[in-house]
Amino acid sequence: KTDFINFISDQEWKSIEPVSSWFGPSSFLMSSMSALFQLSMWIRHCHGYLTENVGIPVWGSYAVFALATLFSGLILGLVSETLETDRLV
């Protein structure tokens, strides 16, 4: 507590470089990191639901997520290719 009070009263905070706008809490980069963290928590919740409530074995839950990853990659690839084809025409 004393160090913090001295930090403020001695104006030591003026010698510290401000955080770059890239790393600010409301920047695109930090918002993206937050979204990835929330996605990982959602995946963990789904894994727990599948293994505890539905009764799927752990390896089965991993297989579900692997297939979902492959399927979403397929869909994103098809959409990307469709958009690229439409732009070339």
PDB file of N, CA and C in Angstrom:
ATOM      1  N   LYS A   1       0.829  -1.184   0.000  1.00  0.00           N
ATOM      2  CA  LYS A   1       0.000   0.000   0.000  1.00  0.00           C
ATOM      3  C   LYS A   1       0.875   1.250   0.000  1.00  0.00           C
ATOM      4  N   THR A   2       1.914   1.228   0.803  1.00  0.00           N
ATOM      5  CA  THR A   2       2.803   2.383   0.901  1.00  0.00           C
ATOM      6  C   THR A   2       3.506   2.646  -0.425  1.00  0.00           C
ATOM      7  N   ASP A   3       3.931   1.565  -1.081  1.00  0.00           N
ATOM      8  CA  ASP A   3       4.598   1.731  -2.384  1.00  0.00           C
ATOM      9  C   ASP A   3       3.659   2.363  -3.407  1.00  0.00           C
ATOM     10  N   PHE A   4       2.406   1.967  -3.379  1.00  0.00           N
ATOM     11  CA  PHE A   4       1.439   2.529  -4.325  1.00  0.00           C
ATOM     12  C   PHE A   4       1.208   4.014  -4.034  1.00  0.00           C
ATOM     13  N   ILE A   5       1.080   4.368  -2.785  1.00  0.00           N
ATOM     14  CA  ILE A   5       0.876   5.775  -2.413  1.00  0.00           C
ATOM     15  C   ILE A   5       2.092   6.601  -2.815  1.00  0.00           C
ATOM     16  N   ASN A   6       3.296   6.085  -2.588  1.00  0.00           N
ATOM     17  CA  ASN A   6       4.510   6.795  -3.004  1.00  0.00           C
ATOM     18  C   ASN A   6       4.585   6.905  -4.525  1.00  0.00           C
ATOM     19  N   PHE A   7       4.151   5.875  -5.222  1.00  0.00           N
ATOM     20  CA  PHE A   7       4.144   5.888  -6.685  1.00  0.00           C
ATOM     21  C   PHE A   7       3.284   7.034  -7.200  1.00  0.00           C
ATOM     22  N   ILE A   8       2.144   7.253  -6.562  1.00  0.00           N
ATOM     23  CA  ILE A   8       1.243   8.334  -6.974  1.00  0.00           C
ATOM     24  C   ILE A   8       1.746   9.689  -6.500  1.00  0.00           C
ATOM     25  N   SER A   9       2.111   9.794  -5.235  1.00  0.00           N
ATOM     26  CA  SER A   9       2.497  11.098  -4.680  1.00  0.00           C
ATOM     27  C   SER A   9       3.806  11.611  -5.259  1.00  0.00           C
ATOM     28  N   ASP A  10       4.745  10.711  -5.568  1.00  0.00           N
ATOM     29  CA  ASP A  10       6.022  11.131  -6.165  1.00  0.00           C
ATOM     30  C   ASP A  10       5.938  11.262  -7.678  1.00  0.00           C
ATOM     31  N   GLN A  11       4.774  11.018  -8.235  1.00  0.00           N
ATOM     32  CA  GLN A  11       4.497  11.110  -9.672  1.00  0.00           C
ATOM     33  C   GLN A  11       5.451  10.241 -10.506  1.00  0.00           C
ATOM     34  N   GLU A  12       5.757   9.063  -9.991  1.00  0.00           N
ATOM     35  CA  GLU A  12       6.581   8.108 -10.724  1.00  0.00           C
ATOM     36  C   GLU A  12       5.845   7.563 -11.939  1.00  0.00           C
ATOM     37  N   TRP A  13       4.534   7.652 -11.951  1.00  0.00           N
ATOM     38  CA  TRP A  13       3.738   7.140 -13.057  1.00  0.00           C
ATOM     39  C   TRP A  13       4.015   7.892 -14.349  1.00  0.00           C
ATOM     40  N   LYS A  14       4.549   9.115 -14.244  1.00  0.00           N
ATOM     41  CA  LYS A  14       4.849   9.897 -15.450  1.00  0.00           C
ATOM     42  C   LYS A  14       6.007   9.296 -16.240  1.00  0.00           C
ATOM     43  N   SER A  15       6.875   8.535 -15.584  1.00  0.00           N
ATOM     44  CA  SER A  15       8.040   7.973 -16.269  1.00  0.00           C
ATOM     45  C   SER A  15       7.720   6.646 -16.970  1.00  0.00           C
ATOM     46  N   ILE A  16       6.516   6.139 -16.808  1.00  0.00           N
ATOM     47  CA  ILE A  16       6.143   4.873 -17.424  1.00  0.00           C
ATOM     48  C   ILE A  16       5.520   5.127 -18.791  1.00  0.00           C
ATOM     49  N   GLU A  17       5.957   4.326 -19.766  1.00  0.00           N
ATOM     50  CA  GLU A  17       5.425   4.446 -21.125  1.00  0.00           C
ATOM     51  C   GLU A  17       3.980   3.971 -21.176  1.00  0.00           C
ATOM     52  N   PRO A  18       3.108   4.701 -21.861  1.00  0.00           N
ATOM     53  CA  PRO A  18       1.723   4.223 -21.976  1.00  0.00           C
ATOM     54  C   PRO A  18       1.657   2.949 -22.819  1.00  0.00           C
ATOM     55  N   VAL A  19       0.625   2.155 -22.580  1.00  0.00           N
ATOM     56  CA  VAL A  19       0.420   0.925 -23.327  1.00  0.00           C
ATOM     57  C   VAL A  19       0.050   1.269 -24.761  1.00  0.00           C
ATOM     58  N   SER A  20       0.633   0.544 -25.705  1.00  0.00           N
ATOM     59  CA  SER A  20       0.319   0.754 -27.113  1.00  0.00           C
ATOM     60  C   SER A  20      -1.164   0.499 -27.351  1.00  0.00           C
ATOM     61  N   SER A  21      -1.722   1.194 -28.322  1.00  0.00           N
ATOM     62  CA  SER A  21      -3.146   1.016 -28.612  1.00  0.00           C
ATOM     63  C   SER A  21      -3.455  -0.408 -29.071  1.00  0.00           C
ATOM     64  N   TRP A  22      -2.437  -1.116 -29.587  1.00  0.00           N
ATOM     65  CA  TRP A  22      -2.634  -2.509 -29.999  1.00  0.00           C
ATOM     66  C   TRP A  22      -2.955  -3.412 -28.812  1.00  0.00           C
ATOM     67  N   PHE A  23      -2.433  -3.048 -27.637  1.00  0.00           N
ATOM     68  CA  PHE A  23      -2.599  -3.890 -26.464  1.00  0.00           C
ATOM     69  C   PHE A  23      -3.587  -3.312 -25.466  1.00  0.00           C
ATOM     70  N   GLY A  24      -4.305  -2.279 -25.850  1.00  0.00           N
ATOM     71  CA  GLY A  24      -5.334  -1.711 -24.984  1.00  0.00           C
ATOM     72  C   GLY A  24      -6.493  -2.682 -24.828  1.00  0.00           C
ATOM     73  N   PRO A  25      -7.230  -2.583 -23.737  1.00  0.00           N
ATOM     74  CA  PRO A  25      -8.316  -3.530 -23.484  1.00  0.00           C
ATOM     75  C   PRO A  25      -9.405  -3.542 -24.554  1.00  0.00           C
ATOM     76  N   SER A  26      -9.624  -2.447 -25.230  1.00  0.00           N
ATOM     77  CA  SER A  26     -10.701  -2.399 -26.223  1.00  0.00           C
ATOM     78  C   SER A  26     -10.182  -2.521 -27.654  1.00  0.00           C
ATOM     79  N   SER A  27      -8.917  -2.864 -27.831  1.00  0.00           N
ATOM     80  CA  SER A  27      -8.366  -2.990 -29.181  1.00  0.00           C
ATOM     81  C   SER A  27      -8.868  -4.253 -29.860  1.00  0.00           C
ATOM     82  N   PHE A  28      -8.721  -4.298 -31.161  1.00  0.00           N
ATOM     83  CA  PHE A  28      -9.139  -5.464 -31.938  1.00  0.00           C
ATOM     84  C   PHE A  28      -8.369  -6.708 -31.507  1.00  0.00           C
ATOM     85  N   LEU A  29      -7.079  -6.561 -31.259  1.00  0.00           N
ATOM     86  CA  LEU A  29      -6.241  -7.682 -30.868  1.00  0.00           C
ATOM     87  C   LEU A  29      -6.712  -8.293 -29.539  1.00  0.00           C
ATOM     88  N   MET A  30      -6.954  -7.460 -28.555  1.00  0.00           N
ATOM     89  CA  MET A  30      -7.388  -7.963 -27.248  1.00  0.00           C
ATOM     90  C   MET A  30      -8.826  -8.488 -27.293  1.00  0.00           C
ATOM     91  N   SER A  31      -9.669  -7.882 -28.111  1.00  0.00           N
ATOM     92  CA  SER A  31     -11.033  -8.399 -28.270  1.00  0.00           C
ATOM     93  C   SER A  31     -11.006  -9.781 -28.917  1.00  0.00           C
ATOM     94  N   SER A  32     -10.108  -9.971 -29.872  1.00  0.00           N
ATOM     95  CA  SER A  32      -9.958 -11.273 -30.517  1.00  0.00           C
ATOM     96  C   SER A  32      -9.440 -12.309 -29.530  1.00  0.00           C
ATOM     97  N   MET A  33      -8.486 -11.922 -28.699  1.00  0.00           N
ATOM     98  CA  MET A  33      -7.965 -12.845 -27.686  1.00  0.00           C
ATOM     99  C   MET A  33      -9.062 -13.233 -26.703  1.00  0.00           C
ATOM    100  N   SER A  34      -9.897 -12.271 -26.343  1.00  0.00           N
ATOM    101  CA  SER A  34     -11.006 -12.550 -25.437  1.00  0.00           C
ATOM    102  C   SER A  34     -11.999 -13.521 -26.080  1.00  0.00           C
ATOM    103  N   ALA A  35     -12.276 -13.314 -27.362  1.00  0.00           N
ATOM    104  CA  ALA A  35     -13.198 -14.209 -28.063  1.00  0.00           C
ATOM    105  C   ALA A  35     -12.636 -15.629 -28.129  1.00  0.00           C
ATOM    106  N   LEU A  36     -11.335 -15.763 -28.360  1.00  0.00           N
ATOM    107  CA  LEU A  36     -10.722 -17.095 -28.385  1.00  0.00           C
ATOM    108  C   LEU A  36     -10.786 -17.766 -27.015  1.00  0.00           C
ATOM    109  N   PHE A  37     -10.591 -16.986 -25.968  1.00  0.00           N
ATOM    110  CA  PHE A  37     -10.687 -17.538 -24.621  1.00  0.00           C
ATOM    111  C   PHE A  37     -12.117 -18.002 -24.333  1.00  0.00           C
ATOM    112  N   GLN A  38     -13.095 -17.191 -24.733  1.00  0.00           N
ATOM    113  CA  GLN A  38     -14.493 -17.577 -24.528  1.00  0.00           C
ATOM    114  C   GLN A  38     -14.839 -18.823 -25.332  1.00  0.00           C
ATOM    115  N   LEU A  39     -14.296 -18.939 -26.543  1.00  0.00           N
ATOM    116  CA  LEU A  39     -14.515 -20.128 -27.358  1.00  0.00           C
ATOM    117  C   LEU A  39     -13.926 -21.366 -26.681  1.00  0.00           C
ATOM    118  N   SER A  40     -12.742 -21.225 -26.113  1.00  0.00           N
ATOM    119  CA  SER A  40     -12.128 -22.373 -25.440  1.00  0.00           C
ATOM    120  C   SER A  40     -12.931 -22.782 -24.216  1.00  0.00           C
ATOM    121  N   MET A  41     -13.501 -21.824 -23.501  1.00  0.00           N
ATOM    122  CA  MET A  41     -14.341 -22.153 -22.347  1.00  0.00           C
ATOM    123  C   MET A  41     -15.628 -22.843 -22.802  1.00  0.00           C
ATOM    124  N   TRP A  42     -16.187 -22.420 -23.923  1.00  0.00           N
ATOM    125  CA  TRP A  42     -17.392 -23.052 -24.461  1.00  0.00           C
ATOM    126  C   TRP A  42     -17.102 -24.489 -24.879  1.00  0.00           C
ATOM    127  N   ILE A  43     -15.950 -24.700 -25.526  1.00  0.00           N
ATOM    128  CA  ILE A  43     -15.561 -26.050 -25.938  1.00  0.00           C
ATOM    129  C   ILE A  43     -15.366 -26.934 -24.708  1.00  0.00           C
ATOM    130  N   ARG A  44     -14.751 -26.395 -23.674  1.00  0.00           N
ATOM    131  CA  ARG A  44     -14.574 -27.160 -22.428  1.00  0.00           C
ATOM    132  C   ARG A  44     -15.931 -27.522 -21.825  1.00  0.00           C
ATOM    133  N   HIS A  45     -16.858 -26.570 -21.839  1.00  0.00           N
ATOM    134  CA  HIS A  45     -18.202 -26.835 -21.316  1.00  0.00           C
ATOM    135  C   HIS A  45     -18.881 -27.940 -22.135  1.00  0.00           C
ATOM    136  N   CYS A  46     -18.789 -27.864 -23.451  1.00  0.00           N
ATOM    137  CA  CYS A  46     -19.390 -28.885 -24.322  1.00  0.00           C
ATOM    138  C   CYS A  46     -18.756 -30.248 -24.086  1.00  0.00           C
ATOM    139  N   HIS A  47     -17.440 -30.283 -23.914  1.00  0.00           N
ATOM    140  CA  HIS A  47     -16.752 -31.548 -23.641  1.00  0.00           C
ATOM    141  C   HIS A  47     -17.271 -32.155 -22.329  1.00  0.00           C
ATOM    142  N   GLY A  48     -17.404 -31.322 -21.310  1.00  0.00           N
ATOM    143  CA  GLY A  48     -17.936 -31.796 -20.037  1.00  0.00           C
ATOM    144  C   GLY A  48     -19.361 -32.310 -20.177  1.00  0.00           C
ATOM    145  N   TYR A  49     -20.180 -31.603 -20.940  1.00  0.00           N
ATOM    146  CA  TYR A  49     -21.560 -32.034 -21.154  1.00  0.00           C
ATOM    147  C   TYR A  49     -21.610 -33.376 -21.870  1.00  0.00           C
ATOM    148  N   LEU A  50     -20.797 -33.507 -22.927  1.00  0.00           N
ATOM    149  CA  LEU A  50     -20.803 -34.747 -23.703  1.00  0.00           C
ATOM    150  C   LEU A  50     -20.323 -35.937 -22.869  1.00  0.00           C
ATOM    151  N   THR A  51     -19.309 -35.731 -22.045  1.00  0.00           N
ATOM    152  CA  THR A  51     -18.758 -36.859 -21.288  1.00  0.00           C
ATOM    153  C   THR A  51     -19.557 -37.157 -20.022  1.00  0.00           C
ATOM    154  N   GLU A  52     -20.077 -36.133 -19.351  1.00  0.00           N
ATOM    155  CA  GLU A  52     -20.764 -36.353 -18.075  1.00  0.00           C
ATOM    156  C   GLU A  52     -22.267 -36.596 -18.233  1.00  0.00           C
ATOM    157  N   ASN A  53     -22.932 -35.813 -19.043  1.00  0.00           N
ATOM    158  CA  ASN A  53     -24.389 -35.911 -19.164  1.00  0.00           C
ATOM    159  C   ASN A  53     -24.830 -36.903 -20.237  1.00  0.00           C
ATOM    160  N   VAL A  54     -24.181 -36.856 -21.387  1.00  0.00           N
ATOM    161  CA  VAL A  54     -24.575 -37.721 -22.493  1.00  0.00           C
ATOM    162  C   VAL A  54     -23.966 -39.117 -22.342  1.00  0.00           C
ATOM    163  N   GLY A  55     -22.794 -39.185 -21.707  1.00  0.00           N
ATOM    164  CA  GLY A  55     -22.156 -40.474 -21.482  1.00  0.00           C
ATOM    165  C   GLY A  55     -21.198 -40.908 -22.569  1.00  0.00           C
ATOM    166  N   ILE A  56     -20.823 -39.999 -23.437  1.00  0.00           N
ATOM    167  CA  ILE A  56     -19.858 -40.319 -24.491  1.00  0.00           C
ATOM    168  C   ILE A  56     -18.476 -40.437 -23.843  1.00  0.00           C
ATOM    169  N   PRO A  57     -17.687 -41.445 -24.227  1.00  0.00           N
ATOM    170  CA  PRO A  57     -16.329 -41.537 -23.671  1.00  0.00           C
ATOM    171  C   PRO A  57     -15.479 -40.349 -24.121  1.00  0.00           C
ATOM    172  N   VAL A  58     -14.400 -40.101 -23.408  1.00  0.00           N
ATOM    173  CA  VAL A  58     -13.543 -38.950 -23.705  1.00  0.00           C
ATOM    174  C   VAL A  58     -13.050 -39.005 -25.144  1.00  0.00           C
ATOM    175  N   TRP A  59     -12.613 -40.181 -25.598  1.00  0.00           N
ATOM    176  CA  TRP A  59     -12.125 -40.278 -26.973  1.00  0.00           C
ATOM    177  C   TRP A  59     -13.242 -39.962 -27.971  1.00  0.00           C
ATOM    178  N   GLY A  60     -14.486 -40.293 -27.628  1.00  0.00           N
ATOM    179  CA  GLY A  60     -15.612 -39.987 -28.502  1.00  0.00           C
ATOM    180  C   GLY A  60     -15.860 -38.493 -28.587  1.00  0.00           C
ATOM    181  N   SER A  61     -15.692 -37.812 -27.456  1.00  0.00           N
ATOM    182  CA  SER A  61     -15.840 -36.357 -27.457  1.00  0.00           C
ATOM    183  C   SER A  61     -14.769 -35.709 -28.326  1.00  0.00           C
ATOM    184  N   TYR A  62     -13.535 -36.226 -28.204  1.00  0.00           N
ATOM    185  CA  TYR A  62     -12.453 -35.704 -29.054  1.00  0.00           C
ATOM    186  C   TYR A  62     -12.755 -35.953 -30.531  1.00  0.00           C
ATOM    187  N   ALA A  63     -13.323 -37.109 -30.831  1.00  0.00           N
ATOM    188  CA  ALA A  63     -13.673 -37.422 -32.213  1.00  0.00           C
ATOM    189  C   ALA A  63     -14.748 -36.470 -32.728  1.00  0.00           C
ATOM    190  N   VAL A  64     -15.730 -36.141 -31.884  1.00  0.00           N
ATOM    191  CA  VAL A  64     -16.779 -35.189 -32.276  1.00  0.00           C
ATOM    192  C   VAL A  64     -16.168 -33.842 -32.614  1.00  0.00           C
ATOM    193  N   PHE A  65     -15.252 -33.366 -31.752  1.00  0.00           N
ATOM    194  CA  PHE A  65     -14.625 -32.063 -32.007  1.00  0.00           C
ATOM    195  C   PHE A  65     -13.705 -32.110 -33.223  1.00  0.00           C
ATOM    196  N   ALA A  66     -13.032 -33.234 -33.453  1.00  0.00           N
ATOM    197  CA  ALA A  66     -12.183 -33.360 -34.645  1.00  0.00           C
ATOM    198  C   ALA A  66     -13.033 -33.310 -35.912  1.00  0.00           C
ATOM    199  N   LEU A  67     -14.162 -34.015 -35.911  1.00  0.00           N
ATOM    200  CA  LEU A  67     -15.046 -33.979 -37.074  1.00  0.00           C
ATOM    201  C   LEU A  67     -15.653 -32.592 -37.277  1.00  0.00           C
ATOM    202  N   ALA A  68     -15.997 -31.923 -36.177  1.00  0.00           N
ATOM    203  CA  ALA A  68     -16.531 -30.558 -36.283  1.00  0.00           C
ATOM    204  C   ALA A  68     -15.483 -29.613 -36.866  1.00  0.00           C
ATOM    205  N   THR A  69     -14.227 -29.802 -36.472  1.00  0.00           N
ATOM    206  CA  THR A  69     -13.146 -28.971 -37.005  1.00  0.00           C
ATOM    207  C   THR A  69     -12.963 -29.219 -38.498  1.00  0.00           C
ATOM    208  N   LEU A  70     -12.952 -30.482 -38.891  1.00  0.00           N
ATOM    209  CA  LEU A  70     -12.813 -30.805 -40.316  1.00  0.00           C
ATOM    210  C   LEU A  70     -13.988 -30.273 -41.131  1.00  0.00           C
ATOM    211  N   PHE A  71     -15.201 -30.439 -40.603  1.00  0.00           N
ATOM    212  CA  PHE A  71     -16.392 -29.970 -41.307  1.00  0.00           C
ATOM    213  C   PHE A  71     -16.400 -28.448 -41.443  1.00  0.00           C
ATOM    214  N   SER A  72     -16.047 -27.738 -40.367  1.00  0.00           N
ATOM    215  CA  SER A  72     -16.033 -26.270 -40.454  1.00  0.00           C
ATOM    216  C   SER A  72     -14.950 -25.793 -41.415  1.00  0.00           C
ATOM    217  N   GLY A  73     -13.803 -26.494 -41.464  1.00  0.00           N
ATOM    218  CA  GLY A  73     -12.765 -26.148 -42.429  1.00  0.00           C
ATOM    219  C   GLY A  73     -13.232 -26.372 -43.860  1.00  0.00           C
ATOM    220  N   LEU A  74     -13.972 -27.452 -44.074  1.00  0.00           N
ATOM    221  CA  LEU A  74     -14.529 -27.730 -45.395  1.00  0.00           C
ATOM    222  C   LEU A  74     -15.496 -26.627 -45.813  1.00  0.00           C
ATOM    223  N   ILE A  75     -16.385 -26.258 -44.913  1.00  0.00           N
ATOM    224  CA  ILE A  75     -17.360 -25.200 -45.218  1.00  0.00           C
ATOM    225  C   ILE A  75     -16.658 -23.872 -45.493  1.00  0.00           C
ATOM    226  N   LEU A  76     -15.700 -23.502 -44.642  1.00  0.00           N
ATOM    227  CA  LEU A  76     -14.975 -22.242 -44.855  1.00  0.00           C
ATOM    228  C   LEU A  76     -14.202 -22.265 -46.171  1.00  0.00           C
ATOM    229  N   GLY A  77     -13.614 -23.400 -46.514  1.00  0.00           N
ATOM    230  CA  GLY A  77     -12.906 -23.514 -47.783  1.00  0.00           C
ATOM    231  C   GLY A  77     -13.835 -23.370 -48.975  1.00  0.00           C
ATOM    232  N   LEU A  78     -15.005 -24.003 -48.896  1.00  0.00           N
ATOM    233  CA  LEU A  78     -15.976 -23.882 -49.978  1.00  0.00           C
ATOM    234  C   LEU A  78     -16.483 -22.455 -50.131  1.00  0.00           C
ATOM    235  N   VAL A  79     -16.762 -21.808 -49.017  1.00  0.00           N
ATOM    236  CA  VAL A  79     -17.226 -20.414 -49.065  1.00  0.00           C
ATOM    237  C   VAL A  79     -16.134 -19.523 -49.636  1.00  0.00           C
ATOM    238  N   SER A  80     -14.910 -19.726 -49.186  1.00  0.00           N
ATOM    239  CA  SER A  80     -13.784 -18.930 -49.682  1.00  0.00           C
ATOM    240  C   SER A  80     -13.599 -19.132 -51.183  1.00  0.00           C
ATOM    241  N   GLU A  81     -13.680 -20.362 -51.630  1.00  0.00           N
ATOM    242  CA  GLU A  81     -13.512 -20.650 -53.053  1.00  0.00           C
ATOM    243  C   GLU A  81     -14.665 -20.076 -53.874  1.00  0.00           C
ATOM    244  N   THR A  82     -15.867 -20.125 -53.340  1.00  0.00           N
ATOM    245  CA  THR A  82     -17.028 -19.563 -54.030  1.00  0.00           C
ATOM    246  C   THR A  82     -16.883 -18.052 -54.178  1.00  0.00           C
ATOM    247  N   LEU A  83     -16.454 -17.402 -53.103  1.00  0.00           N
ATOM    248  CA  LEU A  83     -16.276 -15.942 -53.168  1.00  0.00           C
ATOM    249  C   LEU A  83     -15.176 -15.575 -54.148  1.00  0.00           C
ATOM    250  N   GLU A  84     -14.106 -16.356 -54.182  1.00  0.00           N
ATOM    251  CA  GLU A  84     -13.004 -16.087 -55.105  1.00  0.00           C
ATOM    252  C   GLU A  84     -13.453 -16.307 -56.544  1.00  0.00           C
ATOM    253  N   THR A  85     -14.242 -17.325 -56.815  1.00  0.00           N
ATOM    254  CA  THR A  85     -14.737 -17.615 -58.158  1.00  0.00           C
ATOM    255  C   THR A  85     -15.680 -16.491 -58.620  1.00  0.00           C
ATOM    256  N   ASP A  86     -16.541 -16.028 -57.718  1.00  0.00           N
ATOM    257  CA  ASP A  86     -17.459 -14.950 -58.096  1.00  0.00           C
ATOM    258  C   ASP A  86     -16.709 -13.667 -58.412  1.00  0.00           C
ATOM    259  N   ARG A  87     -15.612 -13.432 -57.742  1.00  0.00           N
ATOM    260  CA  ARG A  87     -14.852 -12.205 -57.980  1.00  0.00           C
ATOM    261  C   ARG A  87     -14.125 -12.257 -59.305  1.00  0.00           C
ATOM    262  N   LEU A  88     -13.707 -13.434 -59.738  1.00  0.00           N
ATOM    263  CA  LEU A  88     -12.972 -13.562 -60.997  1.00  0.00           C
ATOM    264  C   LEU A  88     -13.875 -13.466 -62.212  1.00  0.00           C
ATOM    265  N   VAL A  89     -15.142 -13.769 -62.055  1.00  0.00           N
ATOM    266  CA  VAL A  89     -16.062 -13.782 -63.200  1.00  0.00           C
ATOM    267  C   VAL A  89     -16.451 -12.415 -63.609  1.00  0.00           C
TER     268      VAL A  89
END
